[in-house]
All heavy atoms as atom14 arrays in JSON, in Angstrom:
{
  "sequence": "YRQAPGEQRELVAYITDARSRYYVDAVKGRFTISRD",
  "atom14_mask": [
    [1, 1, 1, 1, 1, 1, 1, 1, 1, 1, 1, 1, 0, 0],
    [1, 1, 1, 1, 1, 1, 1, 1, 1, 1, 1, 0, 0, 0],
    [1, 1, 1, 1, 1, 1, 1, 1, 1, 0, 0, 0, 0, 0],
    [1, 1, 1, 1, 1, 0, 0, 0, 0, 0, 0, 0, 0, 0],
    [1, 1, 1, 1, 1, 1, 1, 0, 0, 0, 0, 0, 0, 0],
    [1, 1, 1, 1, 0, 0, 0, 0, 0, 0, 0, 0, 0, 0],
    [1, 1, 1, 1, 1, 1, 1, 1, 1, 0, 0, 0, 0, 0],
    [1, 1, 1, 1, 1, 1, 1, 1, 1, 0, 0, 0, 0, 0],
    [1, 1, 1, 1, 1, 1, 1, 1, 1, 1, 1, 0, 0, 0],
    [1, 1, 1, 1, 1, 1, 1, 1, 1, 0, 0, 0, 0, 0],
    [1, 1, 1, 1, 1, 1, 1, 1, 0, 0, 0, 0, 0, 0],
    [1, 1, 1, 1, 1, 1, 1, 0, 0, 0, 0, 0, 0, 0],
    [1, 1, 1, 1, 1, 0, 0, 0, 0, 0, 0, 0, 0, 0],
    [1, 1, 1, 1, 1, 1, 1, 1, 1, 1, 1, 1, 0, 0],
    [1, 1, 1, 1, 1, 1, 1, 1, 0, 0, 0, 0, 0, 0],
    [1, 1, 1, 1, 1, 1, 1, 0, 0, 0, 0, 0, 0, 0],
    [1, 1, 1, 1, 1, 1, 1, 1, 0, 0, 0, 0, 0, 0],
    [1, 1, 1, 1, 1, 0, 0, 0, 0, 0, 0, 0, 0, 0],
    [1, 1, 1, 1, 1, 1, 1, 1, 1, 1, 1, 0, 0, 0],
    [1, 1, 1, 1, 1, 1, 0, 0, 0, 0, 0, 0, 0, 0],
    [1, 1, 1, 1, 1, 1, 1, 1, 1, 1, 1, 0, 0, 0],
    [1, 1, 1, 1, 1, 1, 1, 1, 1, 1, 1, 1, 0, 0],
    [1, 1, 1, 1, 1, 1, 1, 1, 1, 1, 1, 1, 0, 0],
    [1, 1, 1, 1, 1, 1, 1, 0, 0, 0, 0, 0, 0, 0],
    [1, 1, 1, 1, 1, 1, 1, 1, 0, 0, 0, 0, 0, 0],
    [1, 1, 1, 1, 1, 0, 0, 0, 0, 0, 0, 0, 0, 0],
    [1, 1, 1, 1, 1, 1, 1, 0, 0, 0, 0, 0, 0, 0],
    [1, 1, 1, 1, 1, 1, 1, 1, 1, 0, 0, 0, 0, 0],
    [1, 1, 1, 1, 0, 0, 0, 0, 0, 0, 0, 0, 0, 0],
    [1, 1, 1, 1, 1, 1, 1, 1, 1, 1, 1, 0, 0, 0],
    [1, 1, 1, 1, 1, 1, 1, 1, 1, 1, 1, 0, 0, 0],
    [1, 1, 1, 1, 1, 1, 1, 0, 0, 0, 0, 0, 0, 0],
    [1, 1, 1, 1, 1, 1, 1, 1, 0, 0, 0, 0, 0, 0],
    [1, 1, 1, 1, 1, 1, 0, 0, 0, 0, 0, 0, 0, 0],
    [1, 1, 1, 1, 1, 1, 1, 1, 1, 1, 1, 0, 0, 0],
    [1, 1, 1, 1, 1, 1, 1, 1, 0, 0, 0, 0, 0, 0]
  ],
  "atom14_positions": [
    [[0.82, -1.21, -0.01], [-0.02, 0.01, -0.03], [0.88, 1.23, 0.0], [2.09, 1.17, 0.4], [-0.86, -0.04, 1.28], [-1.7, -1.18, 1.43], [-1.27, -2.36, 1.91], [-3.17, -1.1, 1.23], [-2.03, -3.51, 2.02], [-4.0, -2.16, 1.38], [-3.42, -3.43, 1.82], [-4.25, -4.47, 1.91], [0.0, 0.0, 0.0], [0.0, 0.0, 0.0]],
    [[0.34, 2.38, -0.42], [1.09, 3.62, -0.22], [0.16, 4.72, 0.14], [-0.95, 4.76, -0.12], [1.8, 3.92, -1.54], [0.87, 4.26, -2.77], [1.72, 4.41, -4.05], [0.88, 4.76, -5.22], [1.35, 4.81, -6.43], [2.63, 4.6, -6.72], [0.55, 5.04, -7.44], [0.0, 0.0, 0.0], [0.0, 0.0, 0.0], [0.0, 0.0, 0.0]],
    [[0.79, 5.81, 0.83], [0.04, 6.91, 1.18], [0.81, 8.2, 0.88], [1.94, 8.32, 1.46], [-0.3, 6.9, 2.71], [-1.19, 7.97, 3.1], [-1.71, 7.75, 4.52], [-1.2, 7.06, 5.29], [-2.79, 8.47, 4.81], [0.0, 0.0, 0.0], [0.0, 0.0, 0.0], [0.0, 0.0, 0.0], [0.0, 0.0, 0.0], [0.0, 0.0, 0.0]],
    [[0.33, 8.91, -0.04], [1.01, 10.15, -0.43], [0.49, 11.37, 0.49], [-0.59, 11.14, 1.19], [0.69, 10.52, -1.85], [0.0, 0.0, 0.0], [0.0, 0.0, 0.0], [0.0, 0.0, 0.0], [0.0, 0.0, 0.0], [0.0, 0.0, 0.0], [0.0, 0.0, 0.0], [0.0, 0.0, 0.0], [0.0, 0.0, 0.0], [0.0, 0.0, 0.0]],
    [[1.34, 12.29, 0.63], [0.86, 13.43, 1.5], [-0.52, 13.96, 1.2], [-0.76, 14.27, 0.01], [1.9, 14.53, 1.32], [3.09, 13.81, 0.85], [2.63, 12.65, 0.05], [0.0, 0.0, 0.0], [0.0, 0.0, 0.0], [0.0, 0.0, 0.0], [0.0, 0.0, 0.0], [0.0, 0.0, 0.0], [0.0, 0.0, 0.0], [0.0, 0.0, 0.0]],
    [[-1.38, 14.0, 2.28], [-2.77, 14.61, 2.0], [-3.78, 13.61, 1.41], [-4.78, 13.96, 1.05], [0.0, 0.0, 0.0], [0.0, 0.0, 0.0], [0.0, 0.0, 0.0], [0.0, 0.0, 0.0], [0.0, 0.0, 0.0], [0.0, 0.0, 0.0], [0.0, 0.0, 0.0], [0.0, 0.0, 0.0], [0.0, 0.0, 0.0], [0.0, 0.0, 0.0]],
    [[-3.19, 12.36, 1.1], [-4.07, 11.37, 0.43], [-4.41, 10.21, 1.28], [-3.65, 10.01, 2.32], [-3.35, 10.87, -0.88], [-2.97, 11.94, -1.82], [-4.15, 12.56, -2.5], [-5.19, 11.76, -2.65], [-4.13, 13.67, -2.97], [0.0, 0.0, 0.0], [0.0, 0.0, 0.0], [0.0, 0.0, 0.0], [0.0, 0.0, 0.0], [0.0, 0.0, 0.0]],
    [[-5.33, 9.4, 0.95], [-5.69, 8.24, 1.72], [-4.74, 7.17, 1.28], [-4.16, 7.13, 0.21], [-7.07, 7.83, 1.4], [-8.16, 8.7, 2.08], [-9.52, 8.08, 2.05], [-9.88, 7.23, 1.19], [-10.44, 8.52, 2.87], [0.0, 0.0, 0.0], [0.0, 0.0, 0.0], [0.0, 0.0, 0.0], [0.0, 0.0, 0.0], [0.0, 0.0, 0.0]],
    [[-4.53, 6.21, 2.14], [-3.69, 5.07, 1.86], [-4.41, 4.16, 0.79], [-5.64, 4.09, 0.78], [-3.54, 4.24, 3.11], [-2.46, 3.11, 2.97], [-2.2, 2.41, 4.27], [-1.66, 3.42, 5.28], [-1.56, 3.22, 6.53], [-2.0, 2.12, 7.08], [-0.99, 4.08, 7.31], [0.0, 0.0, 0.0], [0.0, 0.0, 0.0], [0.0, 0.0, 0.0]],
    [[-3.64, 3.81, -0.27], [-4.29, 2.97, -1.31], [-3.5, 1.7, -1.48], [-2.25, 1.58, -1.29], [-4.2, 3.79, -2.64], [-2.91, 4.19, -3.13], [-2.91, 4.76, -4.59], [-3.97, 4.72, -5.2], [-1.82, 5.17, -4.96], [0.0, 0.0, 0.0], [0.0, 0.0, 0.0], [0.0, 0.0, 0.0], [0.0, 0.0, 0.0], [0.0, 0.0, 0.0]],
    [[-4.2, 0.65, -2.01], [-3.56, -0.58, -2.38], [-2.84, -0.41, -3.7], [-3.46, 0.11, -4.66], [-4.67, -1.71, -2.43], [-4.17, -3.09, -2.93], [-3.26, -3.67, -1.92], [-5.43, -3.94, -3.16], [0.0, 0.0, 0.0], [0.0, 0.0, 0.0], [0.0, 0.0, 0.0], [0.0, 0.0, 0.0], [0.0, 0.0, 0.0], [0.0, 0.0, 0.0]],
    [[-1.64, -0.92, -3.82], [-0.84, -0.86, -5.0], [-0.75, -2.18, -5.71], [-0.93, -2.26, -6.92], [0.54, -0.31, -4.62], [1.42, -0.34, -5.82], [0.59, 1.07, -4.13], [0.0, 0.0, 0.0], [0.0, 0.0, 0.0], [0.0, 0.0, 0.0], [0.0, 0.0, 0.0], [0.0, 0.0, 0.0], [0.0, 0.0, 0.0], [0.0, 0.0, 0.0]],
    [[-0.55, -3.22, -4.92], [-0.41, -4.51, -5.5], [-0.61, -5.54, -4.42], [-0.5, -5.28, -3.24], [0.98, -4.71, -6.15], [0.0, 0.0, 0.0], [0.0, 0.0, 0.0], [0.0, 0.0, 0.0], [0.0, 0.0, 0.0], [0.0, 0.0, 0.0], [0.0, 0.0, 0.0], [0.0, 0.0, 0.0], [0.0, 0.0, 0.0], [0.0, 0.0, 0.0]],
    [[-1.06, -6.82, -4.9], [-1.06, -7.9, -3.94], [-0.7, -9.19, -4.6], [-0.8, -9.28, -5.84], [-2.45, -7.99, -3.18], [-3.63, -8.36, -3.96], [-3.9, -9.65, -4.49], [-4.59, -7.4, -4.18], [-5.04, -9.91, -5.24], [-5.79, -7.66, -4.85], [-5.98, -9.02, -5.4], [-7.06, -9.25, -6.15], [0.0, 0.0, 0.0], [0.0, 0.0, 0.0]],
    [[-0.38, -10.12, -3.86], [-0.06, -11.53, -4.33], [-0.79, -12.51, -3.39], [-0.75, -12.31, -2.17], [1.38, -11.79, -4.28], [1.77, -13.13, -4.85], [2.06, -11.58, -2.9], [3.28, -13.36, -5.12], [0.0, 0.0, 0.0], [0.0, 0.0, 0.0], [0.0, 0.0, 0.0], [0.0, 0.0, 0.0], [0.0, 0.0, 0.0], [0.0, 0.0, 0.0]],
    [[-1.52, -13.49, -4.05], [-2.36, -14.33, -3.27], [-1.49, -15.53, -2.95], [-0.36, -15.75, -3.33], [-3.56, -14.89, -4.11], [-3.09, -15.66, -5.19], [-4.28, -13.64, -4.67], [0.0, 0.0, 0.0], [0.0, 0.0, 0.0], [0.0, 0.0, 0.0], [0.0, 0.0, 0.0], [0.0, 0.0, 0.0], [0.0, 0.0, 0.0], [0.0, 0.0, 0.0]],
    [[-2.09, -16.49, -2.16], [-1.49, -17.7, -1.66], [-1.19, -18.6, -2.95], [-0.3, -19.36, -2.95], [-2.24, -18.52, -0.66], [-3.69, -18.79, -1.16], [-4.14, -18.35, -2.17], [-4.42, -19.61, -0.47], [0.0, 0.0, 0.0], [0.0, 0.0, 0.0], [0.0, 0.0, 0.0], [0.0, 0.0, 0.0], [0.0, 0.0, 0.0], [0.0, 0.0, 0.0]],
    [[-1.98, -18.41, -4.02], [-1.8, -19.17, -5.23], [-0.9, -18.39, -6.15], [-0.73, -18.79, -7.41], [-3.03, -19.39, -5.91], [0.0, 0.0, 0.0], [0.0, 0.0, 0.0], [0.0, 0.0, 0.0], [0.0, 0.0, 0.0], [0.0, 0.0, 0.0], [0.0, 0.0, 0.0], [0.0, 0.0, 0.0], [0.0, 0.0, 0.0], [0.0, 0.0, 0.0]],
    [[-0.21, -17.33, -5.69], [0.7, -16.52, -6.55], [0.07, -15.74, -7.6], [0.74, -15.27, -8.59], [1.85, -17.35, -7.13], [2.9, -17.83, -5.95], [4.05, -18.52, -6.57], [4.93, -19.05, -5.56], [5.89, -18.34, -5.0], [6.05, -17.15, -5.38], [6.65, -18.88, -4.06], [0.0, 0.0, 0.0], [0.0, 0.0, 0.0], [0.0, 0.0, 0.0]],
    [[-1.26, -15.6, -7.59], [-1.95, -14.62, -8.58], [-1.55, -13.27, -8.07], [-1.4, -13.0, -6.87], [-3.41, -14.71, -8.49], [-3.81, -16.06, -9.06], [0.0, 0.0, 0.0], [0.0, 0.0, 0.0], [0.0, 0.0, 0.0], [0.0, 0.0, 0.0], [0.0, 0.0, 0.0], [0.0, 0.0, 0.0], [0.0, 0.0, 0.0], [0.0, 0.0, 0.0]],
    [[-1.38, -12.36, -8.98], [-1.0, -10.96, -8.72], [-1.95, -9.91, -9.23], [-2.52, -10.16, -10.26], [0.49, -10.65, -9.26], [1.63, -11.56, -8.59], [2.82, -11.35, -9.46], [4.03, -11.99, -8.83], [4.26, -13.32, -8.81], [3.5, -14.07, -9.57], [5.35, -13.73, -8.16], [0.0, 0.0, 0.0], [0.0, 0.0, 0.0], [0.0, 0.0, 0.0]],
    [[-2.09, -8.87, -8.49], [-2.93, -7.76, -8.89], [-2.14, -6.51, -8.83], [-1.35, -6.38, -7.84], [-4.23, -7.72, -8.02], [-4.84, -6.31, -8.11], [-5.87, -5.98, -9.0], [-4.56, -5.4, -7.15], [-6.36, -4.72, -9.13], [-5.07, -4.03, -7.26], [-6.0, -3.82, -8.25], [-6.59, -2.58, -8.32], [0.0, 0.0, 0.0], [0.0, 0.0, 0.0]],
    [[-2.35, -5.6, -9.75], [-1.67, -4.4, -9.7], [-2.76, -3.24, -10.05], [-3.52, -3.33, -10.93], [-0.59, -4.17, -10.81], [0.59, -5.26, -10.52], [0.57, -6.44, -11.25], [1.55, -4.95, -9.62], [1.46, -7.39, -11.07], [2.57, -5.92, -9.46], [2.5, -7.08, -10.11], [3.51, -8.08, -9.95], [0.0, 0.0, 0.0], [0.0, 0.0, 0.0]],
    [[-2.69, -2.11, -9.36], [-3.44, -0.97, -9.73], [-2.95, -0.46, -11.05], [-1.74, -0.61, -11.37], [-3.36, 0.09, -8.61], [-2.0, 0.71, -8.46], [-4.41, 1.15, -8.75], [0.0, 0.0, 0.0], [0.0, 0.0, 0.0], [0.0, 0.0, 0.0], [0.0, 0.0, 0.0], [0.0, 0.0, 0.0], [0.0, 0.0, 0.0], [0.0, 0.0, 0.0]],
    [[-3.88, 0.12, -11.83], [-3.49, 0.49, -13.17], [-2.34, 1.45, -13.26], [-1.48, 1.39, -14.13], [-4.68, 1.24, -13.85], [-5.83, 0.23, -14.29], [-5.51, -0.92, -14.29], [-7.0, 0.77, -14.55], [0.0, 0.0, 0.0], [0.0, 0.0, 0.0], [0.0, 0.0, 0.0], [0.0, 0.0, 0.0], [0.0, 0.0, 0.0], [0.0, 0.0, 0.0]],
    [[-2.14, 2.31, -12.28], [-1.07, 3.28, -12.33], [0.31, 2.66, -12.28], [1.33, 3.35, -12.6], [-1.27, 4.28, -11.12], [0.0, 0.0, 0.0], [0.0, 0.0, 0.0], [0.0, 0.0, 0.0], [0.0, 0.0, 0.0], [0.0, 0.0, 0.0], [0.0, 0.0, 0.0], [0.0, 0.0, 0.0], [0.0, 0.0, 0.0], [0.0, 0.0, 0.0]],
    [[0.45, 1.46, -11.75], [1.75, 0.86, -11.7], [1.93, -0.44, -12.55], [3.01, -0.92, -12.57], [2.08, 0.45, -10.13], [1.89, 1.64, -9.33], [1.26, -0.82, -9.67], [0.0, 0.0, 0.0], [0.0, 0.0, 0.0], [0.0, 0.0, 0.0], [0.0, 0.0, 0.0], [0.0, 0.0, 0.0], [0.0, 0.0, 0.0], [0.0, 0.0, 0.0]],
    [[0.97, -0.85, -13.31], [1.0, -1.96, -14.14], [2.12, -1.86, -15.12], [2.3, -0.78, -15.71], [-0.31, -2.2, -14.85], [-1.33, -2.88, -14.14], [-2.62, -3.12, -14.97], [-3.72, -3.79, -14.08], [-4.99, -3.88, -14.88], [0.0, 0.0, 0.0], [0.0, 0.0, 0.0], [0.0, 0.0, 0.0], [0.0, 0.0, 0.0], [0.0, 0.0, 0.0]],
    [[2.96, -2.92, -15.24], [4.11, -2.89, -16.17], [5.37, -2.26, -15.61], [6.42, -2.38, -16.17], [0.0, 0.0, 0.0], [0.0, 0.0, 0.0], [0.0, 0.0, 0.0], [0.0, 0.0, 0.0], [0.0, 0.0, 0.0], [0.0, 0.0, 0.0], [0.0, 0.0, 0.0], [0.0, 0.0, 0.0], [0.0, 0.0, 0.0], [0.0, 0.0, 0.0]],
    [[5.19, -1.65, -14.33], [6.35, -1.01, -13.83], [6.73, -1.71, -12.48], [7.97, -1.72, -12.15], [6.12, 0.47, -13.58], [5.8, 1.21, -14.78], [5.72, 2.72, -14.54], [4.67, 3.08, -13.66], [4.91, 3.7, -12.54], [6.15, 4.12, -12.17], [3.96, 4.07, -11.7], [0.0, 0.0, 0.0], [0.0, 0.0, 0.0], [0.0, 0.0, 0.0]],
    [[5.81, -2.11, -11.75], [6.02, -2.69, -10.41], [5.79, -4.32, -10.48], [4.93, -4.73, -11.2], [5.04, -2.16, -9.43], [5.32, -0.74, -9.03], [6.2, 0.06, -9.74], [4.67, -0.15, -7.96], [6.42, 1.42, -9.38], [4.93, 1.22, -7.63], [5.69, 1.96, -8.27], [0.0, 0.0, 0.0], [0.0, 0.0, 0.0], [0.0, 0.0, 0.0]],
    [[6.63, -4.9, -9.66], [6.37, -6.39, -9.6], [6.42, -6.76, -8.18], [7.36, -6.52, -7.4], [7.47, -7.1, -10.36], [7.5, -6.79, -11.72], [7.3, -8.64, -10.24], [0.0, 0.0, 0.0], [0.0, 0.0, 0.0], [0.0, 0.0, 0.0], [0.0, 0.0, 0.0], [0.0, 0.0, 0.0], [0.0, 0.0, 0.0], [0.0, 0.0, 0.0]],
    [[5.4, -7.5, -7.57], [5.31, -7.96, -6.25], [5.8, -9.43, -6.29], [5.41, -10.21, -7.22], [3.94, -7.76, -5.69], [3.91, -8.09, -4.22], [2.92, -8.58, -6.44], [2.54, -7.82, -3.49], [0.0, 0.0, 0.0], [0.0, 0.0, 0.0], [0.0, 0.0, 0.0], [0.0, 0.0, 0.0], [0.0, 0.0, 0.0], [0.0, 0.0, 0.0]],
    [[6.49, -9.81, -5.22], [6.94, -11.25, -5.15], [7.04, -11.51, -3.65], [6.99, -10.66, -2.77], [8.31, -11.42, -5.75], [9.35, -10.58, -5.15], [0.0, 0.0, 0.0], [0.0, 0.0, 0.0], [0.0, 0.0, 0.0], [0.0, 0.0, 0.0], [0.0, 0.0, 0.0], [0.0, 0.0, 0.0], [0.0, 0.0, 0.0], [0.0, 0.0, 0.0]],
    [[7.19, -12.81, -3.33], [7.35, -13.25, -1.85], [8.43, -14.29, -1.86], [8.68, -15.02, -2.85], [6.01, -13.75, -1.34], [5.59, -15.02, -1.98], [4.37, -15.59, -1.15], [4.0, -16.93, -1.71], [2.84, -17.16, -2.14], [1.84, -16.32, -2.08], [2.53, -18.39, -2.54], [0.0, 0.0, 0.0], [0.0, 0.0, 0.0], [0.0, 0.0, 0.0]],
    [[9.11, -14.34, -0.65], [10.08, -15.4, -0.45], [9.51, -16.18, 0.86], [9.52, -15.68, 1.96], [11.35, -14.75, -0.08], [12.49, -15.76, 0.23], [12.27, -16.83, 0.68], [13.71, -15.34, -0.1], [0.0, 0.0, 0.0], [0.0, 0.0, 0.0], [0.0, 0.0, 0.0], [0.0, 0.0, 0.0], [0.0, 0.0, 0.0], [0.0, 0.0, 0.0]]
  ]
}
């Protein structure tokens, strides 16, 4: 998640237990979420 000054906290990306990934449109193609 991220919170910019004066803004509400927003979800940016998530990864499920099955390794499905979701990205908010603003970061698609630029951000990659992973887990170890």
